[in-house]
Every structure is written in structure tokens, then in C-alpha cells.
């Protein structure tokens, strides 16, 4: 009596395994692209926020000479408006930059005490 042993996988099992692997690999590639775009957008937003915070701190340190202005730094346009009101100055900072989804505008507002 001879007993035949079936070893290995059938062709259908191999095709199904390849299909499942391919779908998983494509999903991973698609999600990686989305994560990369999101990280790039967040890096731009973070850079714009740092530029705005630096400008506000600079204005606060030189509040008696503070004036409105515009500056382009690292591809980010920064506009600030300074309002003098006695001992308190109002600072409105706007940053404008191009992202993958189009132009983006962030506004920041601060009040600072300014000794005469």
C-alpha cells in the first residue's frame, strides 16, 4: 500500500495569497503618501508659527520703536500690524505660505505691556 503525500500549496492558494499581499502593499503605499503630505503641511505650519512668534517677541522687546511691516522668510510671507494704545500695544501677525492644498493663511494676535 502506497500512500501519496500532498505537500505544498495549490495554485489557487498561491494566487489568493499574492492577491492579499498586493492589496496590503498598495494600502501601505497609499497611506505612506498621505502621511508624508500631512507631515510636510505640518512642518510648514510649524515654521510659520515660529516666524510669527519670533516677530512678536522682537516687537515686544523693542515696543517703543515697534512699527508695522512685511517680510518674506523661507518662502513664508509675514505681515504684522502694531497698534499703540498707551502702555499696551496690540500686535496682529499674519503668515501666508503655499502648501500642497493651496495658499494658507494663519493669523496670530498678541497684547504686550510697553513701559514708556
PDB file of N, CA and C in Angstrom:
ATOM      1  N   UNK A   1       0.808  -1.166   0.000  1.00  0.00           N
ATOM      2  CA  UNK A   1       0.000   0.000   0.000  1.00  0.00           C
ATOM      3  C   UNK A   1       0.863   1.245   0.000  1.00  0.00           C
ATOM      4  N   UNK A   2       0.709   2.013  -0.987  1.00  0.00           N
ATOM      5  CA  UNK A   2       1.498   3.232  -1.054  1.00  0.00           C
ATOM      6  C   UNK A   2       0.609   4.432  -0.735  1.00  0.00           C
ATOM      7  N   UNK A   3       1.150   5.251   0.060  1.00  0.00           N
ATOM      8  CA  UNK A   3       0.402   6.432   0.482  1.00  0.00           C
ATOM      9  C   UNK A   3       1.055   7.653  -0.164  1.00  0.00           C
ATOM     10  N   UNK A   4       0.267   8.393  -0.897  1.00  0.00           N
ATOM     11  CA  UNK A   4       0.848   9.581  -1.525  1.00  0.00           C
ATOM     12  C   UNK A   4       0.635  10.775  -0.598  1.00  0.00           C
ATOM     13  N   UNK A   5       1.694  11.535  -0.396  1.00  0.00           N
ATOM     14  CA  UNK A   5       1.618  12.712   0.451  1.00  0.00           C
ATOM     15  C   UNK A   5       1.557  13.957  -0.431  1.00  0.00           C
ATOM     16  N   UNK A   6       0.554  14.753  -0.198  1.00  0.00           N
ATOM     17  CA  UNK A   6       0.450  16.030  -0.919  1.00  0.00           C
ATOM     18  C   UNK A   6       1.157  17.091  -0.092  1.00  0.00           C
ATOM     19  N   UNK A   7       2.219  17.568  -0.656  1.00  0.00           N
ATOM     20  CA  UNK A   7       2.965  18.613   0.033  1.00  0.00           C
ATOM     21  C   UNK A   7       2.905  19.871  -0.811  1.00  0.00           C
ATOM     22  N   UNK A   8       2.940  21.038  -0.140  1.00  0.00           N
ATOM     23  CA  UNK A   8       2.949  22.300  -0.853  1.00  0.00           C
ATOM     24  C   UNK A   8       1.567  22.928  -0.923  1.00  0.00           C
ATOM     25  N   UNK A   9       1.474  23.953  -1.718  1.00  0.00           N
ATOM     26  CA  UNK A   9       0.243  24.721  -1.846  1.00  0.00           C
ATOM     27  C   UNK A   9      -0.331  24.536  -3.233  1.00  0.00           C
ATOM     28  N   UNK A  10      -1.638  24.694  -3.315  1.00  0.00           N
ATOM     29  CA  UNK A  10      -2.276  24.619  -4.629  1.00  0.00           C
ATOM     30  C   UNK A  10      -2.130  25.954  -5.324  1.00  0.00           C
ATOM     31  N   UNK A  11      -2.388  25.965  -6.596  1.00  0.00           N
ATOM     32  CA  UNK A  11      -2.275  27.199  -7.378  1.00  0.00           C
ATOM     33  C   UNK A  11      -3.277  28.243  -6.890  1.00  0.00           C
ATOM     34  N   UNK A  12      -4.455  27.833  -6.518  1.00  0.00           N
ATOM     35  CA  UNK A  12      -5.469  28.769  -6.023  1.00  0.00           C
ATOM     36  C   UNK A  12      -5.000  29.421  -4.722  1.00  0.00           C
ATOM     37  N   UNK A  13      -4.417  28.654  -3.844  1.00  0.00           N
ATOM     38  CA  UNK A  13      -3.918  29.219  -2.586  1.00  0.00           C
ATOM     39  C   UNK A  13      -2.805  30.235  -2.833  1.00  0.00           C
ATOM     40  N   UNK A  14      -1.950  29.965  -3.754  1.00  0.00           N
ATOM     41  CA  UNK A  14      -0.861  30.887  -4.080  1.00  0.00           C
ATOM     42  C   UNK A  14      -1.411  32.185  -4.667  1.00  0.00           C
ATOM     43  N   UNK A  15      -2.377  32.082  -5.575  1.00  0.00           N
ATOM     44  CA  UNK A  15      -2.965  33.280  -6.197  1.00  0.00           C
ATOM     45  C   UNK A  15      -3.678  34.115  -5.151  1.00  0.00           C
ATOM     46  N   UNK A  16      -4.442  33.490  -4.266  1.00  0.00           N
ATOM     47  CA  UNK A  16      -5.142  34.232  -3.205  1.00  0.00           C
ATOM     48  C   UNK A  16      -4.134  34.902  -2.269  1.00  0.00           C
ATOM     49  N   UNK A  17      -3.073  34.220  -1.912  1.00  0.00           N
ATOM     50  CA  UNK A  17      -2.055  34.811  -1.044  1.00  0.00           C
ATOM     51  C   UNK A  17      -1.394  36.015  -1.707  1.00  0.00           C
ATOM     52  N   UNK A  18      -1.090  35.904  -2.995  1.00  0.00           N
ATOM     53  CA  UNK A  18      -0.497  37.036  -3.718  1.00  0.00           C
ATOM     54  C   UNK A  18      -1.468  38.210  -3.791  1.00  0.00           C
ATOM     55  N   UNK A  19      -2.735  37.940  -3.976  1.00  0.00           N
ATOM     56  CA  UNK A  19      -3.745  38.996  -4.032  1.00  0.00           C
ATOM     57  C   UNK A  19      -3.841  39.722  -2.694  1.00  0.00           C
ATOM     58  N   UNK A  20      -3.888  38.975  -1.616  1.00  0.00           N
ATOM     59  CA  UNK A  20      -3.956  39.589  -0.284  1.00  0.00           C
ATOM     60  C   UNK A  20      -2.701  40.416  -0.014  1.00  0.00           C
ATOM     61  N   UNK A  21      -1.530  39.880  -0.341  1.00  0.00           N
ATOM     62  CA  UNK A  21      -0.282  40.615  -0.147  1.00  0.00           C
ATOM     63  C   UNK A  21      -0.260  41.895  -0.970  1.00  0.00           C
ATOM     64  N   UNK A  22      -0.720  41.836  -2.230  1.00  0.00           N
ATOM     65  CA  UNK A  22      -0.725  43.007  -3.109  1.00  0.00           C
ATOM     66  C   UNK A  22      -1.645  44.088  -2.574  1.00  0.00           C
ATOM     67  N   UNK A  23      -2.831  43.717  -2.116  1.00  0.00           N
ATOM     68  CA  UNK A  23      -3.769  44.704  -1.561  1.00  0.00           C
ATOM     69  C   UNK A  23      -3.160  45.366  -0.328  1.00  0.00           C
ATOM     70  N   UNK A  24      -2.543  44.591   0.525  1.00  0.00           N
ATOM     71  CA  UNK A  24      -1.900  45.157   1.711  1.00  0.00           C
ATOM     72  C   UNK A  24      -0.758  46.093   1.366  1.00  0.00           C
ATOM     73  N   UNK A  25       0.061  45.715   0.402  1.00  0.00           N
ATOM     74  CA  UNK A  25       1.186  46.560  -0.005  1.00  0.00           C
ATOM     75  C   UNK A  25       0.702  47.872  -0.623  1.00  0.00           C
ATOM     76  N   UNK A  26      -0.340  47.813  -1.440  1.00  0.00           N
ATOM     77  CA  UNK A  26      -0.891  49.034  -2.037  1.00  0.00           C
ATOM     78  C   UNK A  26      -1.496  49.945  -0.974  1.00  0.00           C
ATOM     79  N   UNK A  27      -2.166  49.372   0.004  1.00  0.00           N
ATOM     80  CA  UNK A  27      -2.729  50.176   1.091  1.00  0.00           C
ATOM     81  C   UNK A  27      -1.627  50.858   1.893  1.00  0.00           C
ATOM     82  N   UNK A  28      -0.549  50.140   2.134  1.00  0.00           N
ATOM     83  CA  UNK A  28       0.581  50.716   2.860  1.00  0.00           C
ATOM     84  C   UNK A  28       1.221  51.859   2.077  1.00  0.00           C
ATOM     85  N   UNK A  29       1.384  51.682   0.786  1.00  0.00           N
ATOM     86  CA  UNK A  29       1.977  52.736  -0.052  1.00  0.00           C
ATOM     87  C   UNK A  29       1.086  53.969  -0.092  1.00  0.00           C
ATOM     88  N   UNK A  30      -0.222  53.772  -0.206  1.00  0.00           N
ATOM     89  CA  UNK A  30      -1.151  54.911  -0.257  1.00  0.00           C
ATOM     90  C   UNK A  30      -1.155  55.670   1.067  1.00  0.00           C
ATOM     91  N   UNK A  31      -1.152  54.951   2.174  1.00  0.00           N
ATOM     92  CA  UNK A  31      -1.160  55.632   3.470  1.00  0.00           C
ATOM     93  C   UNK A  31       0.169  56.334   3.725  1.00  0.00           C
ATOM     94  N   UNK A  32       1.263  55.801   3.216  1.00  0.00           N
ATOM     95  CA  UNK A  32       2.561  56.461   3.373  1.00  0.00           C
ATOM     96  C   UNK A  32       2.582  57.807   2.660  1.00  0.00           C
ATOM     97  N   UNK A  33       1.982  57.880   1.489  1.00  0.00           N
ATOM     98  CA  UNK A  33       1.925  59.143   0.752  1.00  0.00           C
ATOM     99  C   UNK A  33       1.092  60.171   1.509  1.00  0.00           C
ATOM    100  N   UNK A  34      -0.005  59.744   2.097  1.00  0.00           N
ATOM    101  CA  UNK A  34      -0.856  60.657   2.866  1.00  0.00           C
ATOM    102  C   UNK A  34      -0.107  61.166   4.096  1.00  0.00           C
ATOM    103  N   UNK A  35       0.592  60.283   4.771  1.00  0.00           N
ATOM    104  CA  UNK A  35       1.361  60.680   5.952  1.00  0.00           C
ATOM    105  C   UNK A  35       2.457  61.661   5.560  1.00  0.00           C
ATOM    106  N   UNK A  36       3.118  61.447   4.447  1.00  0.00           N
ATOM    107  CA  UNK A  36       4.186  62.355   4.003  1.00  0.00           C
ATOM    108  C   UNK A  36       3.624  63.742   3.693  1.00  0.00           C
ATOM    109  N   UNK A  37       2.487  63.813   3.015  1.00  0.00           N
ATOM    110  CA  UNK A  37       1.881  65.121   2.727  1.00  0.00           C
ATOM    111  C   UNK A  37       1.467  65.833   4.005  1.00  0.00           C
ATOM    112  N   UNK A  38       0.911  65.092   4.942  1.00  0.00           N
ATOM    113  CA  UNK A  38       0.492  65.690   6.214  1.00  0.00           C
ATOM    114  C   UNK A  38       1.695  66.216   6.992  1.00  0.00           C
ATOM    115  N   UNK A  39       2.774  65.460   6.994  1.00  0.00           N
ATOM    116  CA  UNK A  39       3.974  65.909   7.698  1.00  0.00           C
ATOM    117  C   UNK A  39       4.559  67.167   7.059  1.00  0.00           C
ATOM    118  N   UNK A  40       4.530  67.241   5.731  1.00  0.00           N
ATOM    119  CA  UNK A  40       5.028  68.434   5.050  1.00  0.00           C
ATOM    120  C   UNK A  40       4.178  69.659   5.389  1.00  0.00           C
ATOM    121  N   UNK A  41       2.853  69.484   5.394  1.00  0.00           N
ATOM    122  CA  UNK A  41       1.960  70.599   5.731  1.00  0.00           C
ATOM    123  C   UNK A  41       2.177  71.047   7.177  1.00  0.00           C
ATOM    124  N   UNK A  42       2.345  70.101   8.083  1.00  0.00           N
ATOM    125  CA  UNK A  42       2.580  70.450   9.479  1.00  0.00           C
ATOM    126  C   UNK A  42       3.928  71.135   9.676  1.00  0.00           C
ATOM    127  N   UNK A  43       4.929  70.751   8.913  1.00  0.00           N
ATOM    128  CA  UNK A  43       6.242  71.400   9.006  1.00  0.00           C
ATOM    129  C   UNK A  43       6.141  72.858   8.552  1.00  0.00           C
ATOM    130  N   UNK A  44       5.398  73.111   7.478  1.00  0.00           N
ATOM    131  CA  UNK A  44       5.203  74.491   7.019  1.00  0.00           C
ATOM    132  C   UNK A  44       4.444  75.307   8.059  1.00  0.00           C
ATOM    133  N   UNK A  45       3.393  74.738   8.609  1.00  0.00           N
ATOM    134  CA  UNK A  45       2.591  75.440   9.618  1.00  0.00           C
ATOM    135  C   UNK A  45       3.433  75.730  10.858  1.00  0.00           C
ATOM    136  N   UNK A  46       4.259  74.779  11.253  1.00  0.00           N
ATOM    137  CA  UNK A  46       5.115  74.974  12.421  1.00  0.00           C
ATOM    138  C   UNK A  46       6.156  76.056  12.161  1.00  0.00           C
ATOM    139  N   UNK A  47       6.739  76.066  10.956  1.00  0.00           N
ATOM    140  CA  UNK A  47       7.717  77.095  10.604  1.00  0.00           C
ATOM    141  C   UNK A  47       7.071  78.476  10.593  1.00  0.00           C
ATOM    142  N   UNK A  48       5.856  78.573  10.054  1.00  0.00           N
ATOM    143  CA  UNK A  48       5.149  79.853  10.044  1.00  0.00           C
ATOM    144  C   UNK A  48       4.850  80.314  11.465  1.00  0.00           C
ATOM    145  N   UNK A  49       4.473  79.387  12.326  1.00  0.00           N
ATOM    146  CA  UNK A  49       4.215  79.734  13.724  1.00  0.00           C
ATOM    147  C   UNK A  49       5.457  80.230  14.441  1.00  0.00           C
ATOM    148  N   UNK A  50       6.597  79.604  14.150  1.00  0.00           N
ATOM    149  CA  UNK A  50       7.852  80.055  14.767  1.00  0.00           C
ATOM    150  C   UNK A  50       8.249  81.446  14.274  1.00  0.00           C
ATOM    151  N   UNK A  51       8.041  81.694  12.986  1.00  0.00           N
ATOM    152  CA  UNK A  51       8.355  83.021  12.443  1.00  0.00           C
ATOM    153  C   UNK A  51       7.475  84.075  13.107  1.00  0.00           C
ATOM    154  N   UNK A  52       6.176  83.769  13.249  1.00  0.00           N
ATOM    155  CA  UNK A  52       5.255  84.709  13.886  1.00  0.00           C
ATOM    156  C   UNK A  52       5.630  84.938  15.351  1.00  0.00           C
ATOM    157  N   UNK A  53       5.947  83.870  16.074  1.00  0.00           N
ATOM    158  CA  UNK A  53       6.319  84.015  17.483  1.00  0.00           C
ATOM    159  C   UNK A  53       7.600  84.834  17.637  1.00  0.00           C
ATOM    160  N   UNK A  54       8.565  84.622  16.741  1.00  0.00           N
ATOM    161  CA  UNK A  54       9.800  85.404  16.787  1.00  0.00           C
ATOM    162  C   UNK A  54       9.528  86.878  16.549  1.00  0.00           C
ATOM    163  N   UNK A  55       8.654  87.165  15.580  1.00  0.00           N
ATOM    164  CA  UNK A  55       8.321  88.562  15.282  1.00  0.00           C
ATOM    165  C   UNK A  55       7.634  89.212  16.477  1.00  0.00           C
ATOM    166  N   UNK A  56       6.709  88.519  17.108  1.00  0.00           N
ATOM    167  CA  UNK A  56       6.007  89.071  18.273  1.00  0.00           C
ATOM    168  C   UNK A  56       7.001  89.344  19.403  1.00  0.00           C
ATOM    169  N   UNK A  57       7.917  88.414  19.660  1.00  0.00           N
ATOM    170  CA  UNK A  57       8.913  88.627  20.711  1.00  0.00           C
ATOM    171  C   UNK A  57       9.833  89.799  20.386  1.00  0.00           C
ATOM    172  N   UNK A  58      10.205  89.945  19.124  1.00  0.00           N
ATOM    173  CA  UNK A  58      11.048  91.067  18.712  1.00  0.00           C
ATOM    174  C   UNK A  58      10.318  92.391  18.914  1.00  0.00           C
ATOM    175  N   UNK A  59       9.057  92.439  18.549  1.00  0.00           N
ATOM    176  CA  UNK A  59       8.263  93.662  18.736  1.00  0.00           C
ATOM    177  C   UNK A  59       8.117  93.976  20.219  1.00  0.00           C
ATOM    178  N   UNK A  60       7.879  92.950  21.031  1.00  0.00           N
ATOM    179  CA  UNK A  60       7.755  93.167  22.476  1.00  0.00           C
ATOM    180  C   UNK A  60       9.038  93.727  23.071  1.00  0.00           C
ATOM    181  N   UNK A  61      10.195  93.233  22.593  1.00  0.00           N
ATOM    182  CA  UNK A  61      11.466  93.687  23.151  1.00  0.00           C
ATOM    183  C   UNK A  61      11.810  95.113  22.740  1.00  0.00           C
ATOM    184  N   UNK A  62      11.274  95.575  21.621  1.00  0.00           N
ATOM    185  CA  UNK A  62      11.538  96.930  21.137  1.00  0.00           C
ATOM    186  C   UNK A  62      10.221  97.674  20.975  1.00  0.00           C
ATOM    187  N   UNK A  63       9.356  97.592  21.987  1.00  0.00           N
ATOM    188  CA  UNK A  63       7.989  98.083  21.828  1.00  0.00           C
ATOM    189  C   UNK A  63       7.907  99.597  21.595  1.00  0.00           C
ATOM    190  N   UNK A  64       8.847 100.372  22.098  1.00  0.00           N
ATOM    191  CA  UNK A  64       8.774 101.821  21.890  1.00  0.00           C
ATOM    192  C   UNK A  64       9.079 102.205  20.441  1.00  0.00           C
ATOM    193  N   UNK A  65       9.740 101.320  19.692  1.00  0.00           N
ATOM    194  CA  UNK A  65      10.059 101.581  18.288  1.00  0.00           C
ATOM    195  C   UNK A  65       9.263 100.677  17.345  1.00  0.00           C
ATOM    196  N   UNK A  66       8.274  99.983  17.864  1.00  0.00           N
ATOM    197  CA  UNK A  66       7.527  98.995  17.077  1.00  0.00           C
ATOM    198  C   UNK A  66       6.768  99.659  15.931  1.00  0.00           C
ATOM    199  N   UNK A  67       6.830  99.031  14.771  1.00  0.00           N
ATOM    200  CA  UNK A  67       6.121  99.528  13.590  1.00  0.00           C
ATOM    201  C   UNK A  67       5.609  98.334  12.790  1.00  0.00           C
ATOM    202  N   UNK A  68       4.592  98.563  12.002  1.00  0.00           N
ATOM    203  CA  UNK A  68       4.042  97.523  11.146  1.00  0.00           C
ATOM    204  C   UNK A  68       4.998  97.229   9.996  1.00  0.00           C
ATOM    205  N   UNK A  69       4.860  96.059   9.384  1.00  0.00           N
ATOM    206  CA  UNK A  69       5.747  95.738   8.279  1.00  0.00           C
ATOM    207  C   UNK A  69       5.427  94.415   7.606  1.00  0.00           C
ATOM    208  N   UNK A  70       6.254  94.107   6.601  1.00  0.00           N
ATOM    209  CA  UNK A  70       6.126  92.885   5.820  1.00  0.00           C
ATOM    210  C   UNK A  70       7.533  92.299   5.635  1.00  0.00           C
ATOM    211  N   UNK A  71       7.621  90.958   5.694  1.00  0.00           N
ATOM    212  CA  UNK A  71       8.893  90.289   5.473  1.00  0.00           C
ATOM    213  C   UNK A  71       8.615  88.914   4.865  1.00  0.00           C
ATOM    214  N   UNK A  72       9.457  88.494   3.935  1.00  0.00           N
ATOM    215  CA  UNK A  72       9.368  87.143   3.387  1.00  0.00           C
ATOM    216  C   UNK A  72      10.602  86.382   3.850  1.00  0.00           C
ATOM    217  N   UNK A  73      10.365  85.270   4.536  1.00  0.00           N
ATOM    218  CA  UNK A  73      11.445  84.490   5.104  1.00  0.00           C
ATOM    219  C   UNK A  73      11.162  83.014   4.864  1.00  0.00           C
ATOM    220  N   UNK A  74      12.077  82.308   4.216  1.00  0.00           N
ATOM    221  CA  UNK A  74      11.954  80.880   3.935  1.00  0.00           C
ATOM    222  C   UNK A  74      10.667  80.550   3.179  1.00  0.00           C
ATOM    223  N   UNK A  75      10.281  81.423   2.268  1.00  0.00           N
ATOM    224  CA  UNK A  75       9.083  81.196   1.458  1.00  0.00           C
ATOM    225  C   UNK A  75       7.784  81.501   2.174  1.00  0.00           C
ATOM    226  N   UNK A  76       7.850  82.089   3.351  1.00  0.00           N
ATOM    227  CA  UNK A  76       6.660  82.426   4.136  1.00  0.00           C
ATOM    228  C   UNK A  76       6.577  83.936   4.260  1.00  0.00           C
ATOM    229  N   UNK A  77       5.469  84.490   3.800  1.00  0.00           N
ATOM    230  CA  UNK A  77       5.270  85.934   3.908  1.00  0.00           C
ATOM    231  C   UNK A  77       4.677  86.247   5.268  1.00  0.00           C
ATOM    232  N   UNK A  78       5.296  87.173   5.956  1.00  0.00           N
ATOM    233  CA  UNK A  78       4.866  87.564   7.295  1.00  0.00           C
ATOM    234  C   UNK A  78       4.483  89.040   7.269  1.00  0.00           C
ATOM    235  N   UNK A  79       3.241  89.332   7.688  1.00  0.00           N
ATOM    236  CA  UNK A  79       2.770  90.723   7.788  1.00  0.00           C
ATOM    237  C   UNK A  79       2.361  90.971   9.237  1.00  0.00           C
ATOM    238  N   UNK A  80       2.763  92.093   9.772  1.00  0.00           N
ATOM    239  CA  UNK A  80       2.376  92.411  11.129  1.00  0.00           C
ATOM    240  C   UNK A  80       1.920  93.846  11.215  1.00  0.00           C
ATOM    241  N   UNK A  81       0.954  94.054  12.103  1.00  0.00           N
ATOM    242  CA  UNK A  81       0.393  95.378  12.354  1.00  0.00           C
ATOM    243  C   UNK A  81       0.508  95.644  13.843  1.00  0.00           C
ATOM    244  N   UNK A  82       1.035  96.805  14.175  1.00  0.00           N
ATOM    245  CA  UNK A  82       1.212  97.176  15.571  1.00  0.00           C
ATOM    246  C   UNK A  82       0.302  98.345  15.879  1.00  0.00           C
ATOM    247  N   UNK A  83      -0.499  98.191  16.911  1.00  0.00           N
ATOM    248  CA  UNK A  83      -1.381  99.270  17.365  1.00  0.00           C
ATOM    249  C   UNK A  83      -0.928  99.740  18.733  1.00  0.00           C
ATOM    250  N   UNK A  84      -0.626 101.023  18.840  1.00  0.00           N
ATOM    251  CA  UNK A  84      -0.175 101.591  20.111  1.00  0.00           C
ATOM    252  C   UNK A  84      -1.390 102.144  20.848  1.00  0.00           C
ATOM    253  N   UNK A  85      -1.528 101.782  22.102  1.00  0.00           N
ATOM    254  CA  UNK A  85      -2.634 102.287  22.926  1.00  0.00           C
ATOM    255  C   UNK A  85      -2.166 102.556  24.338  1.00  0.00           C
ATOM    256  N   UNK A  86      -1.389 103.587  24.533  1.00  0.00           N
ATOM    257  CA  UNK A  86      -0.864 103.893  25.861  1.00  0.00           C
ATOM    258  C   UNK A  86       0.258 102.933  26.233  1.00  0.00           C
ATOM    259  N   UNK A  87       0.064 102.233  27.349  1.00  0.00           N
ATOM    260  CA  UNK A  87       1.097 101.316  27.817  1.00  0.00           C
ATOM    261  C   UNK A  87       0.957  99.925  27.214  1.00  0.00           C
ATOM    262  N   UNK A  88      -0.096  99.683  26.440  1.00  0.00           N
ATOM    263  CA  UNK A  88      -0.337  98.366  25.848  1.00  0.00           C
ATOM    264  C   UNK A  88      -0.263  98.484  24.329  1.00  0.00           C
ATOM    265  N   UNK A  89       0.452  97.559  23.705  1.00  0.00           N
ATOM    266  CA  UNK A  89       0.484  97.513  22.248  1.00  0.00           C
ATOM    267  C   UNK A  89      -0.228  96.240  21.788  1.00  0.00           C
ATOM    268  N   UNK A  90      -0.911  96.374  20.681  1.00  0.00           N
ATOM    269  CA  UNK A  90      -1.611  95.245  20.077  1.00  0.00           C
ATOM    270  C   UNK A  90      -0.830  94.814  18.840  1.00  0.00           C
ATOM    271  N   UNK A  91      -0.559  93.527  18.737  1.00  0.00           N
ATOM    272  CA  UNK A  91       0.213  93.001  17.609  1.00  0.00           C
ATOM    273  C   UNK A  91      -0.654  91.987  16.880  1.00  0.00           C
ATOM    274  N   UNK A  92      -0.872  92.221  15.593  1.00  0.00           N
ATOM    275  CA  UNK A  92      -1.593  91.269  14.755  1.00  0.00           C
ATOM    276  C   UNK A  92      -0.626  90.762  13.696  1.00  0.00           C
ATOM    277  N   UNK A  93      -0.343  89.469  13.719  1.00  0.00           N
ATOM    278  CA  UNK A  93       0.623  88.848  12.811  1.00  0.00           C
ATOM    279  C   UNK A  93      -0.121  87.895  11.880  1.00  0.00           C
ATOM    280  N   UNK A  94       0.159  87.993  10.591  1.00  0.00           N
ATOM    281  CA  UNK A  94      -0.412  87.080   9.599  1.00  0.00           C
ATOM    282  C   UNK A  94       0.718  86.436   8.822  1.00  0.00           C
ATOM    283  N   UNK A  95       0.658  85.117   8.674  1.00  0.00           N
ATOM    284  CA  UNK A  95       1.634  84.411   7.860  1.00  0.00           C
ATOM    285  C   UNK A  95       0.905  83.775   6.687  1.00  0.00           C
ATOM    286  N   UNK A  96       1.504  83.889   5.513  1.00  0.00           N
ATOM    287  CA  UNK A  96       0.901  83.365   4.291  1.00  0.00           C
ATOM    288  C   UNK A  96       1.951  82.512   3.591  1.00  0.00           C
ATOM    289  N   UNK A  97       1.560  81.279   3.239  1.00  0.00           N
ATOM    290  CA  UNK A  97       2.504  80.375   2.568  1.00  0.00           C
ATOM    291  C   UNK A  97       1.740  79.421   1.670  1.00  0.00           C
ATOM    292  N   UNK A  98       2.444  78.882   0.696  1.00  0.00           N
ATOM    293  CA  UNK A  98       1.842  77.929  -0.237  1.00  0.00           C
ATOM    294  C   UNK A  98       2.061  76.521   0.278  1.00  0.00           C
ATOM    295  N   UNK A  99       0.979  75.755   0.345  1.00  0.00           N
ATOM    296  CA  UNK A  99       1.079  74.350   0.744  1.00  0.00           C
ATOM    297  C   UNK A  99       0.581  73.486  -0.412  1.00  0.00           C
ATOM    298  N   UNK A 100       0.630  72.191  -0.242  1.00  0.00           N
ATOM    299  CA  UNK A 100       0.184  71.280  -1.298  1.00  0.00           C
ATOM    300  C   UNK A 100      -1.297  71.451  -1.614  1.00  0.00           C
ATOM    301  N   UNK A 101      -2.065  71.896  -0.641  1.00  0.00           N
ATOM    302  CA  UNK A 101      -3.503  72.083  -0.860  1.00  0.00           C
ATOM    303  C   UNK A 101      -3.848  73.513  -1.286  1.00  0.00           C
ATOM    304  N   UNK A 102      -2.846  74.359  -1.490  1.00  0.00           N
ATOM    305  CA  UNK A 102      -3.072  75.730  -1.936  1.00  0.00           C
ATOM    306  C   UNK A 102      -2.554  76.734  -0.915  1.00  0.00           C
ATOM    307  N   UNK A 103      -2.829  78.023  -1.141  1.00  0.00           N
ATOM    308  CA  UNK A 103      -2.355  79.057  -0.217  1.00  0.00           C
ATOM    309  C   UNK A 103      -2.974  78.881   1.171  1.00  0.00           C
ATOM    310  N   UNK A 104      -2.198  79.174   2.180  1.00  0.00           N
ATOM    311  CA  UNK A 104      -2.654  79.022   3.559  1.00  0.00           C
ATOM    312  C   UNK A 104      -2.325  80.288   4.332  1.00  0.00           C
ATOM    313  N   UNK A 105      -3.270  80.767   5.125  1.00  0.00           N
ATOM    314  CA  UNK A 105      -3.105  81.987   5.907  1.00  0.00           C
ATOM    315  C   UNK A 105      -3.379  81.680   7.369  1.00  0.00           C
ATOM    316  N   UNK A 106      -2.437  82.038   8.239  1.00  0.00           N
ATOM    317  CA  UNK A 106      -2.608  81.882   9.683  1.00  0.00           C
ATOM    318  C   UNK A 106      -2.520  83.260  10.311  1.00  0.00           C
ATOM    319  N   UNK A 107      -3.396  83.530  11.283  1.00  0.00           N
ATOM    320  CA  UNK A 107      -3.397  84.808  11.996  1.00  0.00           C
ATOM    321  C   UNK A 107      -3.059  84.582  13.456  1.00  0.00           C
ATOM    322  N   UNK A 108      -2.260  85.480  14.010  1.00  0.00           N
ATOM    323  CA  UNK A 108      -1.875  85.432  15.414  1.00  0.00           C
ATOM    324  C   UNK A 108      -2.082  86.829  15.996  1.00  0.00           C
ATOM    325  N   UNK A 109      -2.532  86.884  17.241  1.00  0.00           N
ATOM    326  CA  UNK A 109      -2.762  88.172  17.879  1.00  0.00           C
ATOM    327  C   UNK A 109      -2.162  88.151  19.270  1.00  0.00           C
ATOM    328  N   UNK A 110      -1.544  89.273  19.663  1.00  0.00           N
ATOM    329  CA  UNK A 110      -0.922  89.360  20.973  1.00  0.00           C
ATOM    330  C   UNK A 110      -1.069  90.773  21.524  1.00  0.00           C
ATOM    331  N   UNK A 111      -1.122  90.870  22.829  1.00  0.00           N
ATOM    332  CA  UNK A 111      -1.082  92.147  23.524  1.00  0.00           C
ATOM    333  C   UNK A 111       0.178  92.161  24.373  1.00  0.00           C
ATOM    334  N   UNK A 112       0.827  93.304  24.436  1.00  0.00           N
ATOM    335  CA  UNK A 112       2.060  93.406  25.232  1.00  0.00           C
ATOM    336  C   UNK A 112       2.063  94.723  26.005  1.00  0.00           C
ATOM    337  N   UNK A 113       2.528  94.636  27.229  1.00  0.00           N
ATOM    338  CA  UNK A 113       2.687  95.829  28.028  1.00  0.00           C
ATOM    339  C   UNK A 113       3.993  96.496  27.637  1.00  0.00           C
ATOM    340  N   UNK A 114       3.943  97.796  27.427  1.00  0.00           N
ATOM    341  CA  UNK A 114       5.117  98.529  26.977  1.00  0.00           C
ATOM    342  C   UNK A 114       5.346  99.713  27.905  1.00  0.00           C
ATOM    343  N   UNK A 115       6.425  99.642  28.652  1.00  0.00           N
ATOM    344  CA  UNK A 115       6.755 100.746  29.567  1.00  0.00           C
ATOM    345  C   UNK A 115       7.232 101.942  28.756  1.00  0.00           C
ATOM    346  N   UNK A 116       6.755 103.142  29.091  1.00  0.00           N
ATOM    347  CA  UNK A 116       7.165 104.342  28.332  1.00  0.00           C
ATOM    348  C   UNK A 116       8.615 104.714  28.528  1.00  0.00           C
TER     349      UNK A 116
END
